[in-house]
Amino acid sequence: DEWKEPARLRALASLAVYRRPGSRPAGRRVRWIEGPAMEISGRQIRERRRLGLPIRFWVPLPVDKYIVGNRLYR
């Protein structure tokens, strides 16, 4: 509910969501990704990039390269 234009995102795509501790199901077009529990949020990732800190082990390498290459979250 804190995402920018969540209704538009839901209309355009199915979402793959990595479950975090305390997360709850968010609709029928959400695919939950299983894995070890991690306390990382998109907000934290954006803030690290804004500060110039690495996110390499927080996101898959292609995502990191895209964010850095397109100068996102600066």
Protein backbone atom coordinates (compact mmCIF):
# COMPACT_ATOMS: atom_id res chain seq x y z
CA ASP A 1 0.00 0.00 0.00
CA GLU A 2 3.05 2.31 0.13
CA TRP A 3 4.13 1.67 -3.48
CA LYS A 4 3.73 4.34 -6.12
CA GLU A 5 0.59 3.57 -8.16
CA PRO A 6 -0.01 0.07 -6.74
CA ALA A 7 -3.28 -0.41 -8.67
CA ARG A 8 -1.50 0.32 -11.95
CA LEU A 9 1.26 -2.16 -11.10
CA ARG A 10 -1.30 -4.85 -10.32
CA ALA A 11 -3.11 -4.16 -13.61
CA LEU A 12 0.08 -4.43 -15.67
CA ALA A 13 1.78 -7.47 -14.19
CA SER A 14 1.78 -10.37 -11.82
CA LEU A 15 4.09 -9.60 -8.93
CA ALA A 16 6.77 -11.92 -7.60
CA VAL A 17 7.25 -11.11 -3.93
CA TYR A 18 9.97 -12.38 -1.62
CA ARG A 19 8.32 -13.06 1.70
CA ARG A 20 9.67 -11.06 4.64
CA PRO A 21 8.96 -11.81 8.28
CA GLY A 22 5.51 -10.51 9.11
CA SER A 23 4.40 -10.15 5.49
CA ARG A 24 0.92 -11.18 4.47
CA PRO A 25 -0.69 -12.27 1.19
CA ALA A 26 -1.53 -9.29 -1.04
CA GLY A 27 -3.90 -10.45 -3.74
CA ARG A 28 -4.41 -13.26 -6.17
CA ARG A 29 -1.87 -12.08 -8.78
CA VAL A 30 1.05 -12.31 -6.36
CA ARG A 31 3.53 -15.15 -6.59
CA TRP A 32 5.43 -15.69 -3.38
CA ILE A 33 9.13 -16.52 -3.74
CA GLU A 34 10.40 -18.93 -1.12
CA GLY A 35 13.81 -18.57 0.50
CA PRO A 36 15.55 -17.71 3.72
CA ALA A 37 13.96 -14.91 5.74
CA MET A 38 15.60 -11.54 5.15
CA GLU A 39 14.76 -8.13 6.59
CA ILE A 40 15.43 -6.02 3.47
CA SER A 41 12.95 -3.56 2.03
CA GLY A 42 12.83 -1.65 -1.24
CA ARG A 43 13.02 1.54 0.78
CA GLN A 44 16.32 0.40 2.31
CA ILE A 45 17.71 -0.52 -1.12
CA ARG A 46 16.76 2.88 -2.58
CA GLU A 47 18.27 4.68 0.43
CA ARG A 48 21.55 2.75 0.13
CA ARG A 49 21.82 3.67 -3.55
CA ARG A 50 20.97 7.32 -2.78
CA LEU A 51 23.85 7.35 -0.29
CA GLY A 52 26.19 5.66 -2.79
CA LEU A 53 26.38 2.44 -0.78
CA PRO A 54 26.55 -0.96 -2.52
CA ILE A 55 23.46 -3.14 -2.93
CA ARG A 56 25.23 -5.98 -4.73
CA PHE A 57 24.28 -8.71 -2.28
CA TRP A 58 20.83 -7.23 -1.61
CA VAL A 59 19.50 -7.69 -5.17
CA PRO A 60 20.34 -10.00 -8.10
CA LEU A 61 23.37 -8.84 -10.11
CA PRO A 62 21.34 -7.88 -13.24
CA VAL A 63 19.10 -5.68 -11.06
CA ASP A 64 22.14 -4.03 -9.45
CA LYS A 65 23.67 -3.38 -12.88
CA TYR A 66 20.41 -1.89 -14.18
CA ILE A 67 20.01 0.41 -11.18
CA VAL A 68 23.64 1.58 -11.32
CA GLY A 69 23.71 1.82 -15.15
CA ASN A 70 20.53 3.88 -15.28
CA ARG A 71 21.57 6.04 -12.31
CA LEU A 72 18.39 5.26 -10.41
CA TYR A 73 17.71 6.46 -6.86
CA ARG A 74 20.34 9.22 -6.94
